[in-house]
Amino acid sequence: MRGATLRWLALGLLLGNALAQPDGYALRLEQAWQLVQERYWDSAYNGVDWGVVGAKYRARLPEVQSWGELYGLITAMYDELDDQHTRFLSPAEARYYLEGMQCYPLPFKEGEVTARGPSSPTAPQAPPAPKPAQPEKPRPSPEQPAFPPSSVEFKDRVVVFRLSDLVDGSGVQLLRRAIERYDAQALGYVLDLRGNPGGLAIRMAEVAGFFMRGVPWRMVTKGLGVAPLPTTPLFGQPLTQKPLVVLIDGEVNSAAEGLAGALKNAKRAYLIGTRTAGNTELLLPYCFPDGAVALVASGVLAPFNGPTWEGRGVEPDRVVEKDPLAAALEYLKRLR
């Protein structure tokens, strides 16, 4: 009798979970949509009708059969902004890339956002699609990282470090270890940011803190106002005070631009290459209850004093289009 009761109880729990799951999917989608609605820095949503986007993806909720599929749906929704920054990380991706890094809570209380499924009378109807839906992007995983690995090389007493992005914390830690290992013998450093798409403000502040200390930026955000942004840490001596050259090009975006601009403004680095993209949207992480994280372009980066780099980019001290690395090594040799 007891065994039968336990079997019925287990079956009831499974059925209850199955019935509750679609509402859970709808609530998570609504939270992800509302977060952008409230905190995305551009009130025009990069030229996208965000209300229509919400309706479009609510209408696709019946297709979702698992949390993984839901995360893919939210990713596709965020891709509609086409800003090269805002993205959604599943719990596994967040653990892999953010490594337990602190993030902001959702800007609304429990119960303030409710699920709106495609059959809800309050949900706007999705417009007919003018063309077939594009296939969703494959989701990155620890086995298939979203970014190429950063790398370090020590040659002719110069540390050449290529920092591929400012999301994955492993690159930042590799740079720290390279400084600790080579600084006593090094004449200087080349920090190669070419092609770096940017990433998180906190990663930017960490890397800057290896070379300088202070408050070189301000954040101009939607929802959080204007706030100073210091290096991490703010006080004390940086890890190195050796000469530094930073390589930049037109593919340097976001926090990578902020990093290059801060080092230049502080006269801590000499910049070689071409002007950066001028796309300095500020990426802030927001935590969801299951460990998923939304990286939302919630503002723009600017020097602590002066206009933002948005729309104009960071200018190099010396324009070099062909082989800027060779020019950087030659510059450091002249400082011997």
Protein backbone atom coordinates (compact mmCIF):
# COMPACT_ATOMS: atom_id res chain seq x y z
CA MET A 1 0.00 0.00 0.00
CA ARG A 2 2.78 2.39 0.93
CA GLY A 3 4.61 1.62 -2.37
CA ALA A 4 1.48 2.37 -4.39
CA THR A 5 1.00 5.67 -2.55
CA LEU A 6 4.59 6.69 -3.28
CA ARG A 7 4.17 5.83 -6.96
CA TRP A 8 1.03 7.95 -7.19
CA LEU A 9 2.78 10.80 -5.38
CA ALA A 10 5.74 10.65 -7.77
CA LEU A 11 3.40 10.58 -10.77
CA GLY A 12 1.52 13.57 -9.37
CA LEU A 13 4.74 15.51 -8.95
CA LEU A 14 5.83 14.71 -12.50
CA LEU A 15 2.47 15.74 -13.93
CA GLY A 16 2.46 18.90 -11.86
CA ASN A 17 5.93 19.78 -13.06
CA ALA A 18 4.95 19.12 -16.65
CA LEU A 19 1.90 21.33 -16.37
CA ALA A 20 3.81 24.11 -14.63
CA GLN A 21 6.73 24.11 -17.07
CA PRO A 22 5.06 26.05 -19.95
CA ASP A 23 4.09 28.81 -17.51
CA GLY A 24 7.70 28.83 -16.30
CA TYR A 25 8.93 29.21 -19.87
CA ALA A 26 6.48 32.04 -20.53
CA LEU A 27 7.46 33.85 -17.33
CA ARG A 28 11.18 33.62 -18.11
CA LEU A 29 10.63 34.91 -21.64
CA GLU A 30 8.57 37.78 -20.28
CA GLN A 31 11.26 38.66 -17.72
CA ALA A 32 13.93 38.65 -20.43
CA TRP A 33 11.77 40.87 -22.66
CA GLN A 34 10.87 43.27 -19.83
CA LEU A 35 14.52 43.62 -18.79
CA VAL A 36 15.43 45.02 -22.21
CA GLN A 37 12.27 47.14 -22.19
CA GLU A 38 13.37 48.82 -18.95
CA ARG A 39 17.17 48.84 -19.11
CA TYR A 40 18.24 48.94 -22.76
CA TRP A 41 20.16 52.18 -23.20
CA ASP A 42 18.60 53.21 -26.53
CA SER A 43 14.95 54.20 -26.15
CA ALA A 44 14.50 53.50 -29.88
CA TYR A 45 15.83 49.94 -29.35
CA ASN A 46 18.34 50.28 -32.19
CA GLY A 47 15.49 50.91 -34.64
CA VAL A 48 13.55 47.78 -33.63
CA ASP A 49 9.91 47.80 -32.45
CA TRP A 50 10.53 45.93 -29.20
CA GLY A 51 6.82 45.45 -28.54
CA VAL A 52 6.41 43.67 -31.87
CA VAL A 53 9.48 41.56 -31.12
CA GLY A 54 7.95 40.48 -27.82
CA ALA A 55 4.72 39.44 -29.52
CA LYS A 56 6.64 37.51 -32.16
CA TYR A 57 8.50 35.40 -29.62
CA ARG A 58 5.55 34.88 -27.28
CA ALA A 59 3.79 33.35 -30.29
CA ARG A 60 6.64 30.84 -30.59
CA LEU A 61 6.38 29.61 -26.99
CA PRO A 62 4.32 26.51 -27.93
CA GLU A 63 7.38 25.28 -29.86
CA VAL A 64 9.47 25.19 -26.67
CA GLN A 65 9.90 21.74 -25.13
CA SER A 66 12.88 22.29 -22.81
CA TRP A 67 14.80 24.98 -20.96
CA GLY A 68 17.58 24.70 -23.52
CA GLU A 69 15.12 25.49 -26.30
CA LEU A 70 13.79 28.43 -24.28
CA TYR A 71 17.31 29.85 -23.84
CA GLY A 72 17.75 29.54 -27.62
CA LEU A 73 14.46 31.39 -28.14
CA ILE A 74 15.53 34.23 -25.83
CA THR A 75 18.89 34.41 -27.61
CA ALA A 76 17.09 34.76 -30.95
CA MET A 77 14.89 37.50 -29.45
CA TYR A 78 17.93 39.44 -28.21
CA ASP A 79 19.60 39.00 -31.60
CA GLU A 80 16.77 41.10 -33.08
CA LEU A 81 18.46 44.17 -31.52
CA ASP A 82 21.47 43.55 -33.78
CA ASP A 83 23.76 45.58 -31.50
CA GLN A 84 26.65 43.06 -31.29
CA HIS A 85 26.50 43.26 -27.49
CA THR A 86 23.25 42.24 -25.81
CA ARG A 87 23.07 38.48 -25.31
CA PHE A 88 21.61 35.80 -23.07
CA LEU A 89 23.69 33.16 -21.27
CA SER A 90 22.24 29.88 -20.09
CA PRO A 91 23.20 28.83 -16.53
CA ALA A 92 25.99 26.63 -17.92
CA GLU A 93 27.33 29.42 -20.13
CA ALA A 94 27.16 31.90 -17.27
CA ARG A 95 29.17 29.58 -15.01
CA TYR A 96 31.74 29.06 -17.76
CA TYR A 97 32.22 32.67 -18.85
CA LEU A 98 31.47 34.66 -15.69
CA GLU A 99 32.96 32.26 -13.13
CA GLY A 100 30.71 33.33 -10.27
CA MET A 101 31.07 37.05 -10.99
CA GLN A 102 28.51 39.25 -9.26
CA CYS A 103 25.68 40.62 -11.35
CA TYR A 104 22.74 42.97 -10.94
CA PRO A 105 19.32 41.73 -9.77
CA LEU A 106 16.39 42.00 -12.13
CA PRO A 107 14.95 45.53 -11.89
CA PHE A 108 11.46 44.34 -10.99
CA LYS A 109 10.08 42.50 -7.99
CA GLU A 110 8.58 39.04 -8.01
CA GLY A 111 4.99 39.27 -9.19
CA GLU A 112 5.47 42.55 -11.08
CA VAL A 113 6.05 40.63 -14.31
CA THR A 114 3.62 37.88 -15.25
CA ALA A 115 3.65 35.33 -18.05
CA ARG A 116 1.92 36.32 -21.27
CA GLY A 117 1.46 33.35 -23.56
CA PRO A 118 0.27 33.51 -27.15
CA SER A 119 -3.31 32.77 -26.08
CA SER A 120 -3.38 35.41 -23.33
CA PRO A 121 -5.97 38.15 -23.96
CA THR A 122 -3.42 40.77 -22.84
CA ALA A 123 -0.70 39.64 -25.24
CA PRO A 124 -0.52 41.60 -28.52
CA GLN A 125 -0.94 39.50 -31.62
CA ALA A 126 2.25 38.76 -33.55
CA PRO A 127 2.29 40.26 -37.05
CA PRO A 128 2.56 37.89 -40.01
CA ALA A 129 6.17 37.13 -40.81
CA PRO A 130 7.25 38.84 -44.06
CA LYS A 131 9.86 36.14 -44.72
CA PRO A 132 10.81 32.71 -43.34
CA ALA A 133 12.38 32.77 -39.91
CA GLN A 134 16.17 32.67 -39.89
CA PRO A 135 17.79 29.66 -38.19
CA GLU A 136 18.88 30.42 -34.65
CA LYS A 137 22.57 30.68 -33.89
CA PRO A 138 24.20 27.63 -32.33
CA ARG A 139 24.74 28.13 -28.63
CA PRO A 140 28.34 28.18 -27.38
CA SER A 141 29.52 25.68 -24.80
CA PRO A 142 32.72 25.03 -22.87
CA GLU A 143 33.60 22.55 -25.63
CA GLN A 144 32.85 25.17 -28.32
CA PRO A 145 33.79 28.56 -26.82
CA ALA A 146 32.15 31.66 -28.27
CA PHE A 147 35.49 33.49 -28.37
CA PRO A 148 38.93 32.51 -29.62
CA PRO A 149 41.44 31.96 -26.81
CA SER A 150 43.70 34.77 -25.66
CA SER A 151 47.43 34.17 -26.06
CA VAL A 152 50.78 35.32 -24.70
CA GLU A 153 54.27 35.35 -26.22
CA PHE A 154 57.53 36.56 -24.69
CA LYS A 155 60.09 37.51 -27.31
CA ASP A 156 63.00 39.93 -27.34
CA ARG A 157 62.10 40.77 -23.74
CA VAL A 158 58.67 42.06 -24.80
CA VAL A 159 55.42 40.49 -23.59
CA VAL A 160 52.96 40.34 -26.50
CA PHE A 161 49.49 39.56 -25.24
CA ARG A 162 46.47 39.13 -27.48
CA LEU A 163 43.25 39.67 -25.51
CA SER A 164 40.42 38.22 -27.59
CA ASP A 165 37.43 39.44 -25.57
CA LEU A 166 36.31 40.96 -22.27
CA VAL A 167 33.66 38.39 -21.35
CA ASP A 168 35.62 35.22 -20.68
CA GLY A 169 37.59 35.67 -17.45
CA SER A 170 40.28 33.17 -18.48
CA GLY A 171 41.95 35.73 -20.75
CA VAL A 172 42.12 38.28 -17.95
CA GLN A 173 43.70 35.73 -15.61
CA LEU A 174 46.18 34.64 -18.30
CA LEU A 175 47.30 38.27 -18.62
CA ARG A 176 47.77 38.55 -14.87
CA ARG A 177 49.92 35.43 -14.80
CA ALA A 178 51.98 36.67 -17.75
CA ILE A 179 52.75 39.94 -15.95
CA GLU A 180 53.68 38.13 -12.76
CA ARG A 181 55.92 35.72 -14.66
CA TYR A 182 57.74 38.07 -17.05
CA ASP A 183 57.67 41.56 -15.55
CA ALA A 184 61.12 41.37 -13.93
CA GLN A 185 62.75 40.55 -17.29
CA ALA A 186 60.43 42.49 -19.60
CA LEU A 187 61.27 45.75 -21.31
CA GLY A 188 57.62 46.41 -21.98
CA TYR A 189 54.26 45.08 -23.11
CA VAL A 190 52.14 44.97 -26.25
CA LEU A 191 48.44 44.54 -25.51
CA ASP A 192 46.82 43.49 -28.78
CA LEU A 193 43.13 44.39 -28.76
CA ARG A 194 42.59 44.13 -32.52
CA GLY A 195 39.27 42.49 -33.28
CA ASN A 196 38.22 42.50 -29.62
CA PRO A 197 34.40 42.81 -29.56
CA GLY A 198 34.42 44.11 -25.97
CA GLY A 199 32.34 42.66 -23.19
CA LEU A 200 31.82 43.45 -19.54
CA ALA A 201 32.72 46.68 -17.76
CA ILE A 202 34.08 44.71 -14.80
CA ARG A 203 36.56 42.84 -17.04
CA MET A 204 37.66 46.16 -18.55
CA ALA A 205 38.25 47.57 -15.06
CA GLU A 206 40.27 44.48 -14.07
CA VAL A 207 42.61 44.70 -17.06
CA ALA A 208 43.09 48.45 -16.67
CA GLY A 209 43.95 47.83 -13.01
CA PHE A 210 46.95 45.73 -14.05
CA PHE A 211 48.54 48.84 -15.60
CA MET A 212 47.05 51.86 -13.77
CA ARG A 213 44.80 52.87 -10.90
CA GLY A 214 42.13 55.53 -10.68
CA VAL A 215 38.67 56.47 -11.92
CA PRO A 216 39.06 56.82 -15.69
CA TRP A 217 35.44 56.31 -16.77
CA ARG A 218 31.87 57.22 -16.12
CA MET A 219 28.83 55.10 -16.95
CA VAL A 220 25.85 56.82 -18.56
CA THR A 221 23.06 54.29 -18.10
CA LYS A 222 19.33 53.86 -18.42
CA GLY A 223 17.85 53.04 -15.04
CA LEU A 224 21.04 53.48 -13.00
CA GLY A 225 21.88 57.07 -13.95
CA VAL A 226 25.42 58.42 -14.31
CA ALA A 227 28.09 56.89 -12.10
CA PRO A 228 31.90 56.90 -11.92
CA LEU A 229 33.63 53.66 -12.80
CA PRO A 230 37.03 52.93 -11.18
CA THR A 231 39.71 50.44 -12.04
CA THR A 232 39.78 47.19 -10.08
CA PRO A 233 41.32 47.68 -7.61
CA LEU A 234 41.12 51.44 -7.21
CA PHE A 235 44.08 52.03 -4.86
CA GLY A 236 47.66 50.78 -4.61
CA GLN A 237 50.35 50.09 -7.17
CA PRO A 238 49.47 48.39 -10.48
CA LEU A 239 51.04 45.05 -11.33
CA THR A 240 53.47 46.69 -13.75
CA GLN A 241 54.69 50.15 -14.64
CA LYS A 242 56.72 49.05 -17.67
CA PRO A 243 56.06 50.77 -21.03
CA LEU A 244 52.86 49.64 -22.74
CA VAL A 245 51.72 49.74 -26.37
CA VAL A 246 48.08 48.96 -27.23
CA LEU A 247 47.12 47.81 -30.73
CA ILE A 248 43.67 48.85 -31.97
CA ASP A 249 41.63 48.71 -35.16
CA GLY A 250 38.12 49.31 -36.46
CA GLU A 251 36.91 46.00 -35.03
CA VAL A 252 37.58 47.04 -31.43
CA ASN A 253 34.23 47.64 -29.72
CA SER A 254 32.55 48.38 -26.42
CA ALA A 255 34.59 47.78 -23.25
CA ALA A 256 37.73 47.16 -25.32
CA GLU A 257 37.41 50.73 -26.62
CA GLY A 258 36.94 51.96 -23.07
CA LEU A 259 40.09 50.09 -22.01
CA ALA A 260 42.19 51.56 -24.83
CA GLY A 261 40.77 55.06 -24.31
CA ALA A 262 41.42 55.03 -20.56
CA LEU A 263 45.02 53.87 -20.95
CA LYS A 264 45.61 56.56 -23.57
CA ASN A 265 43.98 59.37 -21.57
CA ALA A 266 46.02 58.45 -18.50
CA LYS A 267 49.17 58.55 -20.69
CA ARG A 268 49.79 55.00 -19.56
CA ALA A 269 49.88 53.51 -23.05
CA TYR A 270 50.88 54.44 -26.59
CA LEU A 271 48.21 53.42 -29.10
CA ILE A 272 49.12 52.12 -32.56
CA GLY A 273 46.77 51.04 -35.34
CA THR A 274 43.54 52.56 -36.63
CA ARG A 275 40.52 54.21 -35.02
CA THR A 276 38.18 51.94 -33.06
CA ALA A 277 34.53 51.28 -33.94
CA GLY A 278 32.91 53.99 -31.80
CA ASN A 279 30.42 51.47 -30.44
CA THR A 280 30.87 51.89 -26.69
CA GLU A 281 27.64 50.46 -25.36
CA LEU A 282 28.04 49.45 -21.72
CA LEU A 283 27.27 45.80 -21.06
CA LEU A 284 25.84 45.00 -17.61
CA PRO A 285 25.02 41.49 -16.33
CA TYR A 286 21.59 40.75 -14.82
CA CYS A 287 20.94 37.51 -12.90
CA PHE A 288 17.91 35.25 -13.30
CA PRO A 289 16.76 32.89 -10.52
CA ASP A 290 18.06 29.73 -12.24
CA GLY A 291 21.57 31.12 -12.79
CA ALA A 292 21.03 32.36 -16.35
CA VAL A 293 22.43 35.83 -17.04
CA ALA A 294 21.37 38.52 -19.51
CA LEU A 295 24.11 40.80 -20.74
CA VAL A 296 22.24 44.00 -21.65
CA ALA A 297 23.62 47.12 -23.28
CA SER A 298 22.39 49.40 -20.50
CA GLY A 299 24.34 52.57 -21.27
CA VAL A 300 27.46 53.96 -22.85
CA LEU A 301 31.03 54.37 -21.64
CA ALA A 302 32.67 57.76 -21.47
CA PRO A 303 35.88 59.20 -20.07
CA PHE A 304 35.44 60.53 -16.55
CA ASN A 305 35.78 64.01 -18.06
CA GLY A 306 34.82 64.60 -21.65
CA PRO A 307 32.43 63.29 -24.28
CA THR A 308 31.68 59.62 -24.81
CA TRP A 309 33.57 57.59 -27.39
CA GLU A 310 30.21 56.49 -28.82
CA GLY A 311 30.03 57.32 -32.51
CA ARG A 312 33.61 58.62 -32.75
CA GLY A 313 35.87 55.87 -31.43
CA VAL A 314 39.34 56.04 -29.90
CA GLU A 315 42.08 57.52 -32.06
CA PRO A 316 45.54 55.93 -32.08
CA ASP A 317 48.63 57.97 -31.26
CA ARG A 318 50.14 56.63 -34.47
CA VAL A 319 48.15 55.40 -37.45
CA VAL A 320 49.58 52.14 -38.80
CA GLU A 321 47.47 49.99 -41.12
CA LYS A 322 50.10 47.45 -42.17
CA ASP A 323 51.84 45.35 -39.50
CA PRO A 324 51.15 47.45 -36.39
CA LEU A 325 52.75 44.75 -34.23
CA ALA A 326 56.11 45.35 -35.91
CA ALA A 327 55.67 49.08 -35.33
CA ALA A 328 54.90 48.43 -31.65
CA LEU A 329 58.01 46.28 -31.17
CA GLU A 330 60.15 48.91 -32.86
CA TYR A 331 58.65 51.62 -30.62
CA LEU A 332 59.49 49.67 -27.47
CA LYS A 333 63.05 48.95 -28.69
CA ARG A 334 63.66 52.67 -29.04
CA LEU A 335 62.80 53.10 -25.35
CA ARG A 336 65.63 50.84 -24.18
